[in-house]
Amino acid sequence: MTVKNVSRRQFVGGVAAAIGYAGFGPNVAVFAQGARAARPKVPLAQAVADYEAAAKLANNENPFGPPESVIKAMTDAFKYANRYGYPDGGIVDAIAEHHGVKPENVILGTGSSEILTMSDSAFLSTGKKVVGVEPTYMTVYQYATNSHADSIRLPLRKDFTQDIPLMIHTVKTNYRDIGFVYLCNPNNPTGVIVSKQEIKQLLDGIPEDVPVLIDEAYHHFVEDPNYATSVPYVTEGRQVIVARTFSKIVGLAGMRLGYAVAPKTVIDRMRPFAMGYGVNAIVKWGGVQALKDTAAQEKVRRYTIDMRKKTAAELEAYGYDVLPTQTNFFMVHIGREVVPVIEEFKKRKVLVGRPFPPMTEHLRVSIGNEDEMARFMAAYKEIFPAKAKTSTVASRG
């Protein structure tokens, strides 16, 4: 079992390689390495046409977009587009009420990504380290480099779960150097949960003054009864930061709205690093309405769960193992390197995943609409032959 203590230089190189396969073209990867290369010019009309024609299964998005109620609320809020000080619909109060906490326990961000930025800036600015697993949502490690901080990345277990006892041991062993612990739950890219029992084990097992950032971006898609949100730990006063986003189940990925729920003392440490005017007037009103429209959320949730089960069953019947996902995406074990396979899908106008080292033979696929998933399966069967199933890994969820 190898624990990685990753430096800033090592991380940037790895990010550049991964971005190059994310569907954005090679020049983005070059830019990530610090070069000033010009992007190839593509006529706007052609770029839009290519985008619209593709089955977009690479970024874990809601394929249906925001519900009509949310669109109306945002449209009505356009009248505030020219103002700095404007009525915001009471978004912070609405989030606080939704979670049963006080407004002082809530801070907004431009997507949950800004919450990760704030956490890095607040807790790693003195050269501390973040402890987490690999692979996971790597952005938290990327942001750590901006604070000239390092990360300690632990391997997943053989069943792709996060090794909580190892995490506890690592924090205790390196206590003076630890800024915070990061958990994505369910994890991205695997889709596998950390159980509520393991969350309690972690919080009880590490020093109580070590913050734990729990990214619940995919919370809404979980069916497993062993999972639970960690928001109640905030009301207990534990050093827990729960990050949430409106990008997934609500379909506001392009509008950028996220938030954190945490004890006031923790929020106060994060607030100086917030962008302030970063969250726009329009999405705040949309967020308030989204919290009210539970019927629209349930419709997306039910569709997503049904489609992920259907697709996983079809892949497994075809002879390929799918990890037990509890999210709006899944990972299928293709048995060969994903990079050329991603290109094969792209030739068929299907955008999927990117490399997630060290799981370089697993392909991550988002749940799209019915047509997109049909196109994915058709492309999959063109690229891969059917094979006899020999593994004992079973799909759940």
Protein backbone atom coordinates (compact mmCIF):
# COMPACT_ATOMS: atom_id res chain seq x y z
CA MET A 1 0.00 0.00 0.00
CA THR A 2 1.53 3.30 -1.14
CA VAL A 3 0.75 6.68 0.38
CA LYS A 4 1.53 9.60 -1.91
CA ASN A 5 2.86 12.85 -0.54
CA VAL A 6 2.44 14.97 -3.66
CA SER A 7 4.23 18.23 -4.34
CA ARG A 8 2.98 21.21 -6.35
CA ARG A 9 5.23 20.49 -9.35
CA GLN A 10 4.16 16.84 -9.55
CA PHE A 11 0.49 17.75 -9.37
CA VAL A 12 0.50 20.37 -12.14
CA GLY A 13 2.09 17.93 -14.57
CA GLY A 14 -0.56 15.33 -13.82
CA VAL A 15 -3.41 17.81 -14.21
CA ALA A 16 -2.11 18.91 -17.59
CA ALA A 17 -2.05 15.34 -18.86
CA ALA A 18 -5.59 14.67 -17.66
CA ILE A 19 -7.04 17.89 -19.06
CA GLY A 20 -5.70 17.02 -22.48
CA TYR A 21 -8.19 14.16 -22.66
CA ALA A 22 -11.18 15.99 -21.21
CA GLY A 23 -12.62 16.92 -24.58
CA PHE A 24 -11.14 20.43 -24.68
CA GLY A 25 -8.27 19.86 -27.09
CA PRO A 26 -4.50 19.62 -26.64
CA ASN A 27 -3.82 23.31 -26.16
CA VAL A 28 -5.59 23.37 -22.80
CA ALA A 29 -3.09 20.80 -21.58
CA VAL A 30 -0.24 22.93 -22.88
CA PHE A 31 -1.68 25.97 -21.11
CA ALA A 32 -1.89 24.03 -17.84
CA GLN A 33 1.86 23.50 -18.10
CA GLY A 34 2.44 27.23 -18.38
CA ALA A 35 3.01 27.60 -22.14
CA ARG A 36 1.41 30.40 -24.15
CA ALA A 37 0.19 28.43 -27.14
CA ALA A 38 -2.68 29.71 -29.28
CA ARG A 39 -5.73 27.52 -29.61
CA PRO A 40 -6.64 26.38 -33.12
CA LYS A 41 -9.39 28.63 -34.45
CA VAL A 42 -12.70 26.93 -35.12
CA PRO A 43 -15.60 28.92 -36.60
CA LEU A 44 -18.16 29.62 -33.91
CA ALA A 45 -21.02 28.08 -35.85
CA GLN A 46 -19.04 24.87 -36.33
CA ALA A 47 -18.04 24.74 -32.66
CA VAL A 48 -21.66 25.14 -31.59
CA ALA A 49 -22.82 22.52 -34.09
CA ASP A 50 -20.20 20.03 -32.88
CA TYR A 51 -21.19 20.63 -29.28
CA GLU A 52 -24.89 20.21 -29.94
CA ALA A 53 -24.33 17.03 -31.99
CA ALA A 54 -22.33 15.24 -29.29
CA ALA A 55 -23.74 12.97 -26.60
CA LYS A 56 -22.32 14.79 -23.57
CA LEU A 57 -21.48 12.08 -21.02
CA ALA A 58 -18.15 13.40 -19.70
CA ASN A 59 -18.91 15.94 -16.99
CA ASN A 60 -21.63 14.48 -14.72
CA GLU A 61 -24.20 17.07 -15.76
CA ASN A 62 -27.97 17.05 -15.53
CA PRO A 63 -28.98 16.38 -19.17
CA PHE A 64 -32.40 18.03 -18.77
CA GLY A 65 -31.36 21.44 -17.48
CA PRO A 66 -33.12 23.44 -14.77
CA PRO A 67 -36.90 23.03 -14.34
CA GLU A 68 -39.27 25.66 -15.69
CA SER A 69 -39.90 27.07 -12.22
CA VAL A 70 -36.21 27.80 -11.79
CA ILE A 71 -35.87 29.28 -15.29
CA LYS A 72 -38.79 31.63 -14.55
CA ALA A 73 -37.26 32.74 -11.25
CA MET A 74 -33.94 33.47 -12.97
CA THR A 75 -35.63 35.28 -15.85
CA ASP A 76 -37.53 37.48 -13.42
CA ALA A 77 -34.24 38.31 -11.66
CA PHE A 78 -32.60 39.68 -14.82
CA LYS A 79 -33.87 43.12 -13.84
CA TYR A 80 -31.13 43.15 -11.18
CA ALA A 81 -28.36 42.41 -13.68
CA ASN A 82 -27.09 46.01 -13.60
CA ARG A 83 -26.87 46.22 -9.79
CA TYR A 84 -24.27 45.34 -7.17
CA GLY A 85 -26.61 45.69 -4.21
CA TYR A 86 -29.82 43.82 -5.06
CA PRO A 87 -32.47 41.63 -3.42
CA ASP A 88 -31.08 38.10 -3.60
CA GLY A 89 -34.26 36.16 -2.91
CA GLY A 90 -33.07 35.26 0.57
CA ILE A 91 -30.81 32.47 -0.71
CA VAL A 92 -28.73 32.08 2.46
CA ASP A 93 -31.85 31.96 4.65
CA ALA A 94 -33.44 29.44 2.28
CA ILE A 95 -30.39 27.14 2.44
CA ALA A 96 -30.21 27.45 6.22
CA GLU A 97 -33.89 26.58 6.59
CA HIS A 98 -33.49 23.67 4.19
CA HIS A 99 -30.78 22.14 6.40
CA GLY A 100 -32.13 23.19 9.79
CA VAL A 101 -29.15 25.42 10.60
CA LYS A 102 -28.65 29.15 11.15
CA PRO A 103 -27.72 31.56 8.32
CA GLU A 104 -24.37 32.05 10.07
CA ASN A 105 -23.63 28.41 9.26
CA VAL A 106 -23.89 28.97 5.49
CA ILE A 107 -21.50 30.48 2.97
CA LEU A 108 -22.05 30.71 -0.79
CA GLY A 109 -19.61 29.87 -3.56
CA THR A 110 -19.48 29.86 -7.35
CA GLY A 111 -20.28 26.18 -7.44
CA SER A 112 -18.94 23.90 -4.74
CA SER A 113 -15.52 24.36 -6.36
CA GLU A 114 -15.15 27.75 -4.68
CA ILE A 115 -15.90 26.09 -1.35
CA LEU A 116 -12.85 23.89 -1.94
CA THR A 117 -10.82 26.99 -2.79
CA MET A 118 -11.87 28.73 0.41
CA SER A 119 -11.03 25.66 2.46
CA ASP A 120 -7.57 25.39 0.96
CA SER A 121 -6.88 29.08 1.51
CA ALA A 122 -8.25 29.06 5.06
CA PHE A 123 -6.64 25.87 6.35
CA LEU A 124 -3.51 25.34 4.24
CA SER A 125 -2.08 28.85 4.09
CA THR A 126 0.57 28.05 6.71
CA GLY A 127 2.02 25.19 4.68
CA LYS A 128 -0.26 22.50 6.08
CA LYS A 129 -1.32 19.44 4.08
CA VAL A 130 -4.65 18.08 2.93
CA VAL A 131 -5.29 14.35 3.42
CA GLY A 132 -7.53 12.49 1.00
CA VAL A 133 -7.66 9.58 -1.42
CA GLU A 134 -6.68 9.01 -5.03
CA PRO A 135 -8.55 9.01 -7.29
CA THR A 136 -11.13 11.51 -6.13
CA TYR A 137 -12.30 14.96 -7.20
CA MET A 138 -8.76 16.19 -7.72
CA THR A 139 -9.60 19.89 -7.79
CA VAL A 140 -9.09 20.15 -4.04
CA TYR A 141 -5.47 19.09 -4.56
CA GLN A 142 -5.09 21.52 -7.44
CA TYR A 143 -6.27 24.40 -5.28
CA ALA A 144 -3.87 23.33 -2.55
CA THR A 145 -1.00 24.10 -4.91
CA ASN A 146 -2.20 27.71 -5.04
CA SER A 147 -1.46 27.88 -1.31
CA HIS A 148 1.96 26.28 -1.94
CA ALA A 149 0.69 23.32 0.06
CA ASP A 150 1.12 19.59 -0.45
CA SER A 151 -1.33 16.72 -0.32
CA ILE A 152 -1.17 13.27 1.19
CA ARG A 153 -3.11 10.94 -1.09
CA LEU A 154 -4.09 7.52 0.12
CA PRO A 155 -4.91 4.60 -2.16
CA LEU A 156 -8.39 3.20 -2.36
CA ARG A 157 -8.99 -0.31 -1.09
CA LYS A 158 -9.28 -3.16 -3.56
CA ASP A 159 -13.06 -2.78 -3.49
CA PHE A 160 -12.64 0.94 -4.35
CA THR A 161 -13.84 2.16 -0.94
CA GLN A 162 -11.96 4.83 0.99
CA ASP A 163 -9.72 3.40 3.69
CA ILE A 164 -10.93 5.22 6.80
CA PRO A 165 -8.63 3.44 9.32
CA LEU A 166 -5.64 4.36 7.14
CA MET A 167 -6.90 7.94 6.95
CA ILE A 168 -7.18 8.14 10.74
CA HIS A 169 -3.69 6.70 11.16
CA THR A 170 -2.26 9.17 8.63
CA VAL A 171 -3.84 12.17 10.36
CA LYS A 172 -2.66 11.08 13.78
CA THR A 173 0.86 10.34 12.54
CA ASN A 174 1.17 13.71 10.76
CA TYR A 175 -1.08 15.70 13.08
CA ARG A 176 1.02 18.88 13.27
CA ASP A 177 1.22 19.05 9.47
CA ILE A 178 -2.47 18.44 8.66
CA GLY A 179 -4.68 21.35 7.59
CA PHE A 180 -7.82 19.36 6.85
CA VAL A 181 -9.18 16.04 5.61
CA TYR A 182 -11.08 15.82 2.33
CA LEU A 183 -13.77 13.26 1.51
CA CYS A 184 -15.90 13.22 -1.62
CA ASN A 185 -18.99 11.25 -0.62
CA PRO A 186 -20.09 9.58 -2.83
CA ASN A 187 -16.66 9.63 -4.39
CA ASN A 188 -15.94 11.01 -7.84
CA PRO A 189 -14.93 9.18 -10.07
CA THR A 190 -15.86 5.82 -8.53
CA GLY A 191 -19.38 6.63 -7.34
CA VAL A 192 -18.76 4.61 -4.16
CA ILE A 193 -19.99 5.91 -0.80
CA VAL A 194 -18.36 6.32 2.59
CA SER A 195 -20.91 4.85 4.99
CA LYS A 196 -22.39 6.85 7.86
CA GLN A 197 -20.68 4.44 10.25
CA GLU A 198 -17.29 5.18 8.67
CA ILE A 199 -17.87 8.94 8.79
CA LYS A 200 -18.49 8.67 12.52
CA GLN A 201 -15.42 6.44 12.87
CA LEU A 202 -13.31 9.09 11.15
CA LEU A 203 -14.62 12.02 13.18
CA ASP A 204 -14.25 10.14 16.45
CA GLY A 205 -10.81 8.83 15.49
CA ILE A 206 -8.95 12.03 14.57
CA PRO A 207 -8.11 15.05 16.78
CA GLU A 208 -11.26 17.13 17.13
CA ASP A 209 -9.59 20.34 15.93
CA VAL A 210 -8.80 18.91 12.45
CA PRO A 211 -11.47 20.12 9.98
CA VAL A 212 -13.07 17.54 7.69
CA LEU A 213 -14.41 18.78 4.35
CA ILE A 214 -17.10 16.43 3.02
CA ASP A 215 -18.07 17.06 -0.60
CA GLU A 216 -21.68 15.93 -1.06
CA ALA A 217 -22.10 17.02 -4.69
CA TYR A 218 -23.83 13.74 -5.56
CA HIS A 219 -25.83 13.37 -2.35
CA HIS A 220 -29.23 13.41 -4.07
CA PHE A 221 -28.60 10.28 -6.14
CA VAL A 222 -27.81 7.92 -3.25
CA GLU A 223 -30.12 4.99 -2.46
CA ASP A 224 -27.85 3.02 -0.13
CA PRO A 225 -29.31 3.12 3.43
CA ASN A 226 -25.76 2.99 4.85
CA TYR A 227 -25.20 6.53 3.57
CA ALA A 228 -26.23 9.73 5.37
CA THR A 229 -25.51 13.40 4.95
CA SER A 230 -22.99 14.82 7.43
CA VAL A 231 -24.91 18.06 8.04
CA PRO A 232 -26.04 16.90 11.53
CA TYR A 233 -22.39 16.96 12.65
CA VAL A 234 -22.40 20.70 11.95
CA THR A 235 -25.26 21.24 14.40
CA GLU A 236 -23.25 19.24 16.94
CA GLY A 237 -20.42 21.75 16.58
CA ARG A 238 -17.98 19.29 15.01
CA GLN A 239 -15.29 20.70 12.70
CA VAL A 240 -17.17 19.50 9.62
CA ILE A 241 -17.66 21.41 6.37
CA VAL A 242 -20.35 20.01 4.08
CA ALA A 243 -20.07 21.23 0.49
CA ARG A 244 -23.12 21.14 -1.78
CA THR A 245 -23.83 22.28 -5.32
CA PHE A 246 -26.78 23.23 -7.52
CA SER A 247 -24.86 21.95 -10.55
CA LYS A 248 -26.07 18.35 -10.51
CA ILE A 249 -29.66 17.49 -9.67
CA VAL A 250 -30.93 21.05 -10.31
CA GLY A 251 -29.07 21.46 -13.61
CA LEU A 252 -27.34 24.79 -12.93
CA ALA A 253 -23.75 23.73 -13.73
CA GLY A 254 -23.22 26.65 -16.10
CA MET A 255 -24.68 29.17 -13.66
CA ARG A 256 -22.27 28.32 -10.78
CA LEU A 257 -23.91 28.13 -7.38
CA GLY A 258 -22.70 26.09 -4.44
CA TYR A 259 -22.44 26.48 -0.69
CA ALA A 260 -20.95 25.14 2.50
CA VAL A 261 -22.64 24.33 5.78
CA ALA A 262 -20.27 24.47 8.76
CA PRO A 263 -19.96 25.78 12.35
CA LYS A 264 -19.79 29.58 12.55
CA THR A 265 -16.18 29.51 13.73
CA VAL A 266 -15.23 27.54 10.61
CA ILE A 267 -17.29 29.76 8.29
CA ASP A 268 -15.58 32.81 9.80
CA ARG A 269 -12.18 31.36 8.86
CA MET A 270 -13.35 30.72 5.29
CA ARG A 271 -15.20 33.98 4.64
CA PRO A 272 -12.13 36.22 4.01
CA PHE A 273 -11.31 34.00 1.01
CA ALA A 274 -14.75 34.16 -0.63
CA MET A 275 -15.03 36.04 -3.93
CA GLY A 276 -17.80 38.24 -2.57
CA TYR A 277 -19.59 39.28 -5.78
CA GLY A 278 -18.71 35.98 -7.47
CA VAL A 279 -22.21 34.48 -7.21
CA ASN A 280 -24.54 36.34 -9.56
CA ALA A 281 -27.97 37.78 -8.82
CA ILE A 282 -29.79 35.57 -11.30
CA VAL A 283 -28.63 32.20 -9.98
CA LYS A 284 -29.38 33.19 -6.38
CA TRP A 285 -33.06 33.55 -7.25
CA GLY A 286 -32.88 30.30 -9.21
CA GLY A 287 -31.37 28.52 -6.22
CA VAL A 288 -34.16 29.64 -3.90
CA GLN A 289 -36.77 28.29 -6.28
CA ALA A 290 -34.81 25.07 -6.86
CA LEU A 291 -34.97 24.27 -3.14
CA LYS A 292 -38.75 24.63 -3.29
CA ASP A 293 -39.28 22.53 -6.42
CA THR A 294 -38.76 19.13 -4.85
CA ALA A 295 -41.00 17.45 -7.43
CA ALA A 296 -38.59 18.43 -10.24
CA GLN A 297 -35.64 17.11 -8.24
CA GLU A 298 -37.40 13.81 -7.60
CA LYS A 299 -38.15 13.41 -11.30
CA VAL A 300 -34.46 13.81 -12.19
CA ARG A 301 -33.40 11.57 -9.31
CA ARG A 302 -35.76 8.76 -10.29
CA TYR A 303 -34.76 8.91 -13.95
CA THR A 304 -31.06 8.93 -13.10
CA ILE A 305 -31.25 5.95 -10.78
CA ASP A 306 -33.36 3.94 -13.22
CA MET A 307 -31.04 4.71 -16.14
CA ARG A 308 -27.85 3.92 -14.27
CA LYS A 309 -29.29 0.55 -13.22
CA LYS A 310 -30.45 -0.20 -16.75
CA THR A 311 -27.11 0.76 -18.33
CA ALA A 312 -25.05 -1.09 -15.72
CA ALA A 313 -27.15 -4.22 -16.23
CA GLU A 314 -26.69 -4.02 -20.00
CA LEU A 315 -22.92 -3.58 -19.68
CA GLU A 316 -22.64 -6.46 -17.24
CA ALA A 317 -24.74 -8.68 -19.48
CA TYR A 318 -22.27 -7.77 -22.24
CA GLY A 319 -19.45 -9.01 -19.99
CA TYR A 320 -18.05 -5.85 -18.36
CA ASP A 321 -17.92 -4.96 -14.66
CA VAL A 322 -19.46 -1.73 -13.39
CA LEU A 323 -18.54 -0.27 -10.00
CA PRO A 324 -21.36 0.02 -7.42
CA THR A 325 -22.21 3.65 -8.08
CA GLN A 326 -24.55 5.88 -6.08
CA THR A 327 -24.20 8.92 -8.32
CA ASN A 328 -25.25 10.25 -11.75
CA PHE A 329 -22.28 8.48 -13.37
CA PHE A 330 -20.65 5.07 -13.32
CA MET A 331 -17.26 3.50 -13.96
CA VAL A 332 -16.95 0.48 -16.22
CA HIS A 333 -13.83 -1.70 -16.29
CA ILE A 334 -12.86 -1.85 -19.95
CA GLY A 335 -9.65 -3.85 -19.47
CA ARG A 336 -7.42 -1.50 -21.46
CA GLU A 337 -6.11 2.06 -21.29
CA VAL A 338 -8.90 4.63 -21.47
CA VAL A 339 -7.13 7.33 -23.48
CA PRO A 340 -7.43 5.76 -26.96
CA VAL A 341 -10.91 4.52 -26.06
CA ILE A 342 -12.05 8.06 -25.24
CA GLU A 343 -10.89 9.07 -28.71
CA GLU A 344 -12.83 6.20 -30.27
CA PHE A 345 -16.00 7.40 -28.57
CA LYS A 346 -15.29 10.96 -29.69
CA LYS A 347 -15.12 9.79 -33.32
CA ARG A 348 -18.66 8.54 -32.80
CA LYS A 349 -19.73 11.90 -31.32
CA VAL A 350 -19.95 10.54 -27.79
CA LEU A 351 -17.98 12.39 -25.11
CA VAL A 352 -16.98 10.26 -22.12
CA GLY A 353 -14.75 10.57 -19.07
CA ARG A 354 -11.06 11.27 -18.86
CA PRO A 355 -8.16 9.36 -17.27
CA PHE A 356 -8.30 8.95 -13.49
CA PRO A 357 -4.91 7.53 -12.48
CA PRO A 358 -4.26 4.98 -11.17
CA MET A 359 -7.57 3.57 -12.46
CA THR A 360 -6.45 3.86 -16.06
CA GLU A 361 -8.50 0.90 -17.30
CA HIS A 362 -11.79 2.21 -15.90
CA LEU A 363 -13.96 4.52 -18.01
CA ARG A 364 -16.22 7.06 -16.29
CA VAL A 365 -19.53 7.70 -18.03
CA SER A 366 -22.18 10.23 -16.98
CA ILE A 367 -25.88 9.47 -17.13
CA GLY A 368 -27.39 11.36 -20.06
CA ASN A 369 -30.86 11.42 -21.55
CA GLU A 370 -32.35 8.32 -23.12
CA ASP A 371 -31.06 9.08 -26.61
CA GLU A 372 -27.54 9.79 -25.35
CA MET A 373 -27.40 6.54 -23.41
CA ALA A 374 -28.60 4.60 -26.45
CA ARG A 375 -25.83 6.22 -28.50
CA PHE A 376 -23.32 5.34 -25.81
CA MET A 377 -24.32 1.67 -25.78
CA ALA A 378 -24.27 1.49 -29.58
CA ALA A 379 -20.77 3.00 -29.64
CA TYR A 380 -19.63 0.73 -26.80
CA LYS A 381 -20.65 -2.36 -28.74
CA GLU A 382 -18.83 -1.10 -31.82
CA ILE A 383 -15.62 -0.51 -29.85
CA PHE A 384 -15.69 -3.55 -27.54
CA PRO A 385 -16.54 -7.18 -28.26
CA ALA A 386 -18.90 -9.10 -26.03
CA LYS A 387 -17.09 -11.32 -23.57
CA ALA A 388 -17.83 -13.99 -21.03
CA LYS A 389 -18.23 -12.50 -17.56
CA THR A 390 -15.70 -13.86 -15.07
CA SER A 391 -15.55 -11.22 -12.31
CA THR A 392 -17.52 -11.33 -9.08
CA VAL A 393 -17.86 -7.52 -8.87
CA ALA A 394 -21.56 -6.68 -8.94
CA SER A 395 -23.27 -3.41 -9.73
CA ARG A 396 -25.31 -1.80 -6.99
CA GLY A 397 -27.47 1.26 -7.28
